[in-house]
Structures are given as C-alpha cells and as structure tokens.
Protein backbone atom coordinates (compact mmCIF):
# COMPACT_ATOMS: atom_id res chain seq x y z
CA MET A 1 101.04 122.85 83.02
CA GLY A 2 103.56 121.47 80.49
CA THR A 3 103.18 118.24 78.56
CA LEU A 4 101.65 115.39 80.56
CA ARG A 5 104.23 112.58 80.85
CA LEU A 6 103.21 109.11 82.04
CA TYR A 7 105.23 105.96 82.64
CA LEU A 8 103.32 102.75 81.85
CA ILE A 9 104.34 99.13 82.43
CA SER A 10 102.64 96.03 81.07
CA GLY A 11 104.01 92.49 81.15
CA GLU A 12 101.67 90.38 79.03
CA PRO A 13 99.31 90.50 76.02
CA SER A 14 96.14 91.11 78.08
CA GLY A 15 97.88 94.03 79.80
CA ASP A 16 99.09 95.33 76.44
CA ARG A 17 95.43 95.49 75.29
CA LEU A 18 94.35 97.32 78.47
CA GLY A 19 97.30 99.70 78.21
CA ALA A 20 96.65 100.52 74.55
CA ALA A 21 92.95 101.29 75.23
CA LEU A 22 93.94 103.48 78.21
CA MET A 23 96.53 105.34 76.08
CA SER A 24 93.99 105.89 73.32
CA GLY A 25 91.57 107.33 75.93
CA LEU A 26 94.28 109.60 77.37
CA ARG A 27 95.21 110.89 73.92
CA GLN A 28 91.56 111.83 73.34
CA LEU A 29 91.40 113.76 76.62
CA VAL A 30 94.95 115.21 76.66
CA PRO A 31 96.17 115.51 73.04
CA GLY A 32 99.84 116.27 73.90
CA VAL A 33 100.35 113.40 76.40
CA THR A 34 103.64 111.44 76.10
CA PHE A 35 104.35 107.87 77.20
CA HIS A 36 107.42 105.91 78.29
CA GLY A 37 107.75 102.46 79.82
CA ILE A 38 107.29 98.82 78.79
CA GLY A 39 104.57 97.48 76.53
CA GLY A 40 103.80 95.23 73.60
CA PRO A 41 102.89 95.95 69.97
CA LEU A 42 99.50 97.54 70.78
CA MET A 43 100.92 100.03 73.30
CA GLN A 44 103.81 100.77 70.94
CA ALA A 45 101.27 101.56 68.20
CA GLN A 46 99.79 104.16 70.60
CA GLY A 47 103.18 105.90 70.89
CA LEU A 48 105.10 104.04 73.59
CA THR A 49 108.80 103.28 73.13
CA SER A 50 109.39 100.10 75.13
CA LEU A 51 112.50 100.00 77.36
CA PHE A 52 112.91 96.30 76.42
CA PRO A 53 110.64 93.67 74.78
CA MET A 54 107.56 93.00 76.93
CA GLU A 55 107.81 89.27 76.07
CA GLU A 56 110.69 88.95 78.58
CA LEU A 57 108.13 89.35 81.36
CA SER A 58 105.49 86.92 80.05
CA ILE A 59 106.60 83.83 81.95
CA MET A 60 104.17 81.64 83.83
CA GLY A 61 104.78 79.65 86.97
CA LEU A 62 107.59 79.32 89.50
CA VAL A 63 109.58 76.65 87.67
CA GLU A 64 109.85 78.90 84.62
CA VAL A 65 110.69 81.98 86.70
CA LEU A 66 113.53 80.54 88.83
CA PRO A 67 116.22 80.30 86.11
CA LYS A 68 115.36 83.86 85.02
CA TYR A 69 115.15 85.24 88.55
CA LEU A 70 118.41 87.21 88.55
CA HIS A 71 117.67 88.61 85.11
CA LEU A 72 114.18 89.69 86.23
CA LYS A 73 115.62 91.28 89.36
CA ARG A 74 117.94 93.34 87.19
CA ARG A 75 115.05 94.31 84.90
CA ILE A 76 113.01 95.47 87.92
CA ARG A 77 115.87 97.75 89.01
CA GLU A 78 116.48 99.07 85.47
CA THR A 79 112.77 99.80 84.98
CA ALA A 80 112.50 101.68 88.27
CA GLU A 81 115.58 103.77 87.40
CA ASP A 82 114.20 104.51 83.94
CA ALA A 83 110.83 105.56 85.39
CA LEU A 84 112.50 107.96 87.85
CA ARG A 85 114.71 109.40 85.11
CA HIS A 86 111.67 110.38 82.99
CA GLN A 87 110.04 112.22 85.93
CA PRO A 88 106.46 111.26 84.93
CA ALA A 89 103.30 112.73 86.50
CA ALA A 90 102.33 109.16 87.43
CA LEU A 91 103.48 105.56 87.21
CA VAL A 92 100.74 103.30 85.79
CA THR A 93 101.39 99.57 86.24
CA ILE A 94 99.11 97.14 84.40
CA ASP A 95 98.41 93.68 85.83
CA SER A 96 101.57 91.40 86.07
CA PRO A 97 101.77 92.13 89.83
CA ASP A 98 104.97 90.13 90.47
CA PHE A 99 106.96 92.49 88.27
CA CYS A 100 104.89 95.68 88.36
CA LEU A 101 104.43 96.01 92.10
CA ARG A 102 108.14 95.43 92.77
CA VAL A 103 108.94 98.29 90.38
CA ALA A 104 106.27 100.46 92.06
CA ALA A 105 107.84 99.75 95.49
CA LEU A 106 111.28 100.95 94.33
CA VAL A 107 109.86 104.04 92.61
CA LYS A 108 107.69 104.97 95.60
CA ALA A 109 110.64 104.55 97.98
CA ALA A 110 112.73 106.99 95.91
CA ARG A 111 109.88 109.44 95.23
CA PRO A 112 107.07 109.15 97.81
CA ASP A 113 105.23 112.09 96.16
CA LEU A 114 104.87 110.35 92.76
CA ARG A 115 101.33 109.07 92.07
CA THR A 116 101.24 105.29 91.52
CA ILE A 117 98.26 103.69 89.79
CA HIS A 118 97.66 99.97 89.29
CA TYR A 119 95.27 98.75 86.57
CA VAL A 120 93.45 95.48 87.49
CA ALA A 121 92.63 94.89 91.14
CA PRO A 122 93.99 91.68 92.69
CA SER A 123 91.15 89.18 93.22
CA VAL A 124 91.29 89.49 97.02
CA TRP A 125 87.55 88.73 97.16
CA ALA A 126 88.44 85.19 95.99
CA TRP A 127 91.62 84.39 97.93
CA ARG A 128 94.68 85.83 99.74
CA PRO A 129 93.00 89.01 101.05
CA GLY A 130 96.33 90.20 102.49
CA ARG A 131 97.50 91.17 98.98
CA ALA A 132 95.50 94.43 99.02
CA ALA A 133 97.13 95.73 102.20
CA LYS A 134 100.57 94.80 100.86
CA MET A 135 99.85 96.63 97.62
CA ALA A 136 98.58 99.73 99.44
CA ALA A 137 102.10 100.31 100.79
CA HIS A 138 103.18 101.56 97.33
CA VAL A 139 100.01 102.01 95.24
CA ASP A 140 97.77 105.10 95.57
CA HIS A 141 94.96 104.31 93.15
CA VAL A 142 93.48 101.21 91.50
CA LEU A 143 91.51 100.80 88.27
CA ALA A 144 89.14 97.84 88.75
CA LEU A 145 87.61 95.62 86.05
CA LEU A 146 84.79 94.25 88.22
CA PRO A 147 82.05 96.36 89.82
CA PHE A 148 82.30 94.80 93.29
CA GLU A 149 86.07 95.38 93.72
CA PRO A 150 86.38 99.08 94.80
CA PRO A 151 85.24 98.53 98.44
CA TYR A 152 87.99 95.89 98.94
CA MET A 153 90.67 98.27 97.65
CA GLN A 154 89.31 101.24 99.62
CA ALA A 155 89.24 99.15 102.81
CA ALA A 156 92.98 98.53 102.31
CA GLY A 157 93.65 102.28 102.01
CA MET A 158 93.76 102.91 98.25
CA SER A 159 91.35 104.94 96.13
CA CYS A 160 89.67 102.84 93.43
CA ASP A 161 87.37 103.31 90.43
CA PHE A 162 85.48 100.61 88.55
CA VAL A 163 86.28 101.47 84.91
CA GLY A 164 84.47 98.68 83.05
CA HIS A 165 85.70 95.33 81.75
CA PRO A 166 87.46 95.19 78.34
CA VAL A 167 85.17 92.32 77.25
CA VAL A 168 82.34 94.84 76.71
CA ALA A 169 84.36 96.62 74.00
CA GLU A 170 85.45 93.52 72.09
CA PRO A 171 84.01 93.12 68.56
CA LEU A 172 81.27 90.51 68.07
CA ALA A 173 80.78 88.48 64.88
CA SER A 174 79.39 90.29 61.83
CA PRO A 175 76.55 88.63 59.84
CA GLU A 176 79.14 87.54 57.23
CA GLU A 177 81.29 85.96 59.95
CA ARG A 178 78.32 84.21 61.58
CA ALA A 179 77.67 82.46 58.25
CA LEU A 180 81.09 80.75 58.60
CA MET A 181 79.67 78.54 61.38
CA ALA A 182 76.18 77.92 60.01
CA GLY A 183 75.15 74.27 59.75
CA GLN A 184 72.67 71.57 60.77
CA GLY A 185 72.48 70.25 64.32
CA PRO A 186 73.35 71.89 67.66
CA LEU A 187 76.81 73.48 67.90
CA LEU A 188 78.83 72.87 71.07
CA LEU A 189 81.80 75.11 71.84
CA ALA A 190 84.57 73.16 73.61
CA LEU A 191 87.04 75.37 75.52
CA PRO A 192 89.57 73.20 77.38
CA GLY A 193 91.85 76.12 78.34
CA SER A 194 94.93 77.72 76.84
CA ARG A 195 97.66 76.15 78.99
CA LYS A 196 99.22 72.77 78.25
CA GLY A 197 98.34 71.32 81.66
CA GLU A 198 94.68 72.30 81.29
CA VAL A 199 94.37 70.84 77.79
CA THR A 200 96.02 67.55 78.82
CA ARG A 201 93.82 67.18 81.90
CA LEU A 202 90.49 68.31 80.45
CA CYS A 203 90.43 66.93 76.88
CA PRO A 204 89.73 63.28 77.87
CA VAL A 205 86.77 64.31 80.08
CA PHE A 206 85.47 66.71 77.41
CA GLY A 207 85.68 63.90 74.81
CA GLN A 208 83.70 61.47 77.00
CA THR A 209 81.11 64.17 77.71
CA ILE A 210 80.65 64.80 73.98
CA GLY A 211 80.19 61.04 73.44
CA LEU A 212 77.34 60.98 75.99
CA LEU A 213 75.76 64.16 74.63
CA GLN A 214 75.86 62.84 71.08
CA GLN A 215 73.61 59.93 72.12
CA SER A 216 70.75 62.35 72.86
CA HIS A 217 71.73 64.86 70.12
CA PRO A 218 72.82 62.79 67.08
CA GLY A 219 73.49 65.85 64.87
CA LEU A 220 75.91 67.40 67.39
CA ARG A 221 78.73 69.56 65.94
CA VAL A 222 81.78 70.70 67.94
CA ALA A 223 83.98 73.75 67.46
CA LEU A 224 87.15 74.24 69.50
CA PRO A 225 88.76 77.71 69.43
CA THR A 226 92.38 77.54 70.56
CA VAL A 227 95.66 79.48 70.57
CA ARG A 228 98.81 78.77 68.61
CA GLY A 229 100.83 77.65 71.66
CA VAL A 230 98.66 74.56 72.27
CA GLU A 231 97.13 73.97 68.82
CA SER A 232 99.15 70.83 67.98
CA LEU A 233 98.50 69.41 71.47
CA VAL A 234 94.75 70.05 71.04
CA ARG A 235 94.69 68.33 67.62
CA GLU A 236 96.45 65.30 69.13
CA ALA A 237 94.19 65.20 72.22
CA THR A 238 90.92 65.43 70.26
CA ARG A 239 91.69 63.01 67.40
CA ASP A 240 89.72 60.19 69.05
CA TRP A 241 86.74 62.26 70.23
CA PRO A 242 83.35 60.77 69.17
CA VAL A 243 82.75 64.04 67.29
CA VAL A 244 86.04 65.36 65.93
CA PRO A 245 85.97 69.12 66.59
CA GLN A 246 86.55 71.86 64.07
CA ILE A 247 89.74 73.49 65.43
CA VAL A 248 89.47 77.26 65.15
CA THR A 249 92.43 79.66 65.39
CA ASP A 250 91.52 82.50 63.02
CA PRO A 251 89.89 85.54 64.79
CA ALA A 252 86.91 85.75 62.39
CA ASN A 253 86.13 82.04 62.81
CA LYS A 254 86.54 82.37 66.58
CA ARG A 255 84.02 85.22 66.72
CA ALA A 256 81.66 83.14 64.55
CA ALA A 257 81.99 80.09 66.83
CA PHE A 258 81.22 82.14 69.96
CA ALA A 259 78.25 83.80 68.26
CA MET A 260 76.70 80.67 66.75
CA ALA A 261 77.25 78.07 69.49
CA ASP A 262 74.13 76.76 71.23
CA VAL A 263 76.04 75.78 74.36
CA ALA A 264 79.63 75.80 75.65
CA LEU A 265 81.68 73.45 77.79
CA ALA A 266 84.51 75.57 79.17
CA ALA A 267 87.45 75.51 81.54
CA SER A 268 87.25 78.02 84.37
CA GLY A 269 88.55 81.52 83.54
CA THR A 270 87.69 84.84 81.88
CA VAL A 271 86.32 82.90 78.92
CA SER A 272 83.00 82.82 80.81
CA LEU A 273 82.73 86.58 80.20
CA GLU A 274 83.40 86.16 76.46
CA LEU A 275 80.62 83.59 76.37
CA ALA A 276 78.31 85.97 78.26
CA ALA A 277 79.13 88.76 75.77
CA ASN A 278 77.89 86.42 73.04
CA GLY A 279 74.87 85.20 75.02
CA CYS A 280 76.15 81.60 74.85
CA PRO A 281 74.93 79.37 77.74
CA MET A 282 77.75 77.48 79.45
CA VAL A 283 78.81 74.70 81.78
CA ILE A 284 82.17 75.13 83.57
CA ALA A 285 84.35 72.07 84.17
CA TYR A 286 87.80 72.14 85.71
CA ASP A 287 90.24 69.76 87.28
CA MET A 288 93.70 70.14 88.72
CA ASN A 289 96.27 68.40 90.84
CA ARG A 290 94.51 67.10 94.01
CA ILE A 291 96.90 68.91 96.38
CA THR A 292 96.55 72.22 94.52
CA LEU A 293 92.77 71.78 94.56
CA TRP A 294 92.75 71.08 98.30
CA LEU A 295 94.92 74.15 99.00
CA MET A 296 92.75 76.37 96.81
CA ARG A 297 89.55 75.18 98.50
CA ARG A 298 91.03 75.90 101.92
CA ALA A 299 92.05 79.41 100.83
CA ALA A 300 88.91 80.27 98.84
CA ARG A 301 86.52 82.91 100.12
CA ILE A 302 83.81 82.28 97.49
CA ASP A 303 81.48 79.41 96.62
CA THR A 304 81.77 79.76 92.82
CA VAL A 305 84.69 80.23 90.42
CA THR A 306 82.61 81.62 87.55
CA LEU A 307 82.61 85.40 87.01
CA VAL A 308 79.11 85.32 85.46
CA ASN A 309 77.79 83.84 88.72
CA LEU A 310 79.67 86.41 90.81
CA VAL A 311 78.82 89.54 88.79
CA SER A 312 75.15 88.63 88.26
CA GLU A 313 74.85 87.50 91.92
CA THR A 314 73.20 84.28 90.77
CA ARG A 315 74.48 80.71 90.63
CA VAL A 316 72.94 79.77 87.27
CA VAL A 317 76.16 78.54 85.62
CA PRO A 318 76.75 74.93 86.73
CA GLU A 319 80.31 74.07 87.77
CA PHE A 320 81.97 70.66 87.88
CA ILE A 321 85.26 71.11 89.72
CA GLY A 322 87.78 68.50 90.87
CA GLU A 323 86.17 65.13 91.61
CA ALA A 324 82.87 66.39 90.09
CA CYS A 325 84.61 66.93 86.72
CA ARG A 326 83.11 63.74 85.20
CA ALA A 327 81.35 63.13 81.90
CA ASP A 328 78.33 61.43 83.50
CA GLN A 329 77.67 64.58 85.55
CA ILE A 330 78.56 67.21 82.92
CA ALA A 331 76.57 65.76 79.97
CA PRO A 332 73.11 66.00 81.65
CA ALA A 333 73.82 69.66 82.57
CA LEU A 334 74.64 70.44 78.92
CA SER A 335 71.53 68.58 77.78
CA ALA A 336 69.35 70.60 80.18
CA LEU A 337 70.85 73.85 78.85
CA LEU A 338 70.20 72.88 75.23
CA ALA A 339 66.57 72.26 76.22
CA ASP A 340 66.15 75.54 78.13
CA PRO A 341 68.88 78.26 78.14
CA SER A 342 66.57 81.06 79.38
CA GLY A 343 67.76 81.25 83.01
CA GLN A 344 71.36 81.81 81.96
CA LYS A 345 70.43 84.29 79.20
CA GLN A 346 69.11 86.77 81.81
CA ALA A 347 72.18 86.37 84.07
CA MET A 348 74.53 86.88 81.11
CA ALA A 349 72.73 90.07 80.00
CA LEU A 350 72.85 91.40 83.57
CA THR A 351 76.58 90.54 83.80
CA MET A 352 77.40 92.50 80.64
CA GLU A 353 75.34 95.48 81.82
CA ARG A 354 77.16 95.50 85.18
CA LEU A 355 80.54 95.25 83.43
CA GLY A 356 79.79 98.49 81.54
CA LYS A 357 78.15 97.41 78.27
CA GLY A 358 76.37 100.29 76.55
CA GLY A 359 78.34 102.87 78.56
CA GLU A 360 81.55 104.73 77.80
CA ALA A 361 84.43 102.53 76.54
CA PRO A 362 86.56 101.11 79.39
CA GLY A 363 89.76 102.69 77.99
CA LEU A 364 88.20 106.15 78.14
CA ARG A 365 86.77 105.56 81.63
CA ALA A 366 90.21 104.38 82.77
CA ALA A 367 91.78 107.53 81.25
CA ARG A 368 89.33 109.78 83.15
CA SER A 369 90.12 107.90 86.36
CA VAL A 370 93.90 108.36 85.86
CA LEU A 371 93.47 112.10 85.22
CA SER A 372 91.22 112.47 88.30
CA VAL A 373 94.12 111.23 90.48
CA LEU A 374 96.53 113.76 89.00
C-alpha cells in the first residue's frame, strides 16, 4: 500500500482540537500519513494545509447564516470537489454537521466506494432521533464521544466506536497554578455560558443567588472564567453583584479556578464534564426564551440536560431550568452542596471513568478506529 492519504474537515475550534488529536494518533500509527482538508491552527500544526480559513465556517444560528448562505453553498461544493481531487482513502468530517454532512453527501454521491467517517455522534438520544437515519445515507462510520451512543448509530445502519471524550485528556492545574486561587472562605465558580444571550439572561439570576448564598457564607469568594468574545459583557453584567467576581481569562488561572472551587453554578453544556474532571460539585441553572423552552421540552427524549447525570446514570446534579431558574431555589441547593458534596463526588468519578479516563488517549483511540474502517 502507498502513502495513506486522508481528507479531514473541521469547522470550529472544538473540532480543530479533536482533529489535531486524531491526526497526532494517526501519525503515531502510520508515520507516512498525509492530510488535506479544512482545519484550524491546531490541525495545521499537525501537517494539514487548509483549503480556506476554518473561521469562515464558525457561524452560529440561522440569522447569522442566512446572509452567508450562498457563500457557504459555494464552499460546500468547492470542498467536495477538492476532496475528490485528492483521492483520499477516507473522508473524515468532524462535528459541524450542517457543513460537513452536506460535503459528505456530495462526495458519497460521486464516489460511493469512498469510506466516510464522522467524528462526534449527533445527540439523537436527546432530541430529533431522525438525524441518525439521515446521516446514515452518506456516512459509513461514526466516532462517538459518549459511551452510550454506539447503539443509536448502529440502529441507524452505521458502524460506531466509542473513542473516549477529549475532556479526559485535558491538563489539570499544577500545584503552582492551584496556588493562584488560594484564599480564605469558600470559592464559588460562576459559569454563565459563553454566548451573549446566555450571559445576558443568566447573570442577573446568578447575582441574586450569590447574594442569598453570601448571607449563610459571609466569606464567599467568586471566580468567573470567561472567553474573550463576552468578557466586556460579563464585566458589565457582574459589576453590581453582591460579591464582585474575579474575572478569569488566562488558561492557567482558569485551570486553578476549576481545581480550587468548592462549588460551581453553571449554565447547561459540556462545562459539566470539565467540572467533573476537576471533581467540582455543581448546580446547573439555565433559562431561555419561553417558546424555545416549550419546543425543546416537547422534543426532548431525556429527563435531564446534564451529561454527568446521563453518563453516571444518576440524577445527583440538581438542575433549575426555565421557570425554576430562580435565586430562591438555586441558593439552597448550592448551600446543601457546600455542606455535603460526597454524593456528587462519586458520580463525577464514575463519569470520568466511563468517558475513558486512565485509558488510552482519545486521539489515539480515534485513530485506531479510523484505521479499522480502512
């Protein structure tokens, strides 16, 4: 067999991280492997020349997509043509299903024999189960991040391997970094989300909750890790909080905050897994537009939105969603956790074990899975 050629596509930073780890794993197993496609700085550092800047694909939401629709349509066609021109052994698409799966459909139509692999299973266990069957029309194999996903993919007609979740390979705070967050009094980690809408909606409730919690814990300290895109909004929204939070953007300080916090109040999302990796007990609070909430509840197939609850098959992480997202309900739950975090500690340890902690790195497992399909 000649050199192994693969075509990889990623559309956002999280996919760029997954892609880079996969490429690193493939290079360990097949030293001469070559890569083409679309990726960000991390994938480029692993030897990928990107057809165009990945950032063009990182747009959220319909309103943002519509003006760029024709441009994206052209990019889908160009990417499919480029993939076919390179004649790879497989096409590996990473997350960003709106873009990736459209490219996969065009490539598969032109070359039905080409192996197509998608990294990150759609969350059909949560909502819109029809997505798996639709995907199976042009995807052969799926790399799943969660241990309970393979049966859903296999039922739709694709092969699927659980390859471990990237959170298990992320660095934790060093002793020197932990010292950055040392101090007197309990430390609360406030995580109101990374999108503008989330921050605007959740910050007032989080502030009121902190006010109530401070009454029973006078020495309370608050750290708020955030991202550059919403940093100024977060500073503005938390200025009047009863305890003004320490805003954290630097990676070392972020790791320290996650490691040293006694409890976290977090928006719903993958952040619950980061908290579990650090053994930090949490309460999840989330609110959204009433109509969106109603639609989501009608479509939901699960009774919890928190991955720690799902993976550990417990319901130990309390959730305050929609009309329950109120300070007078959230504060007592945080207080109870500060008094006794033990129930959550077990569930978090079990979650990390089930996500692949202590085993082979997810990037290497993903690489083995890709090669097994070829």
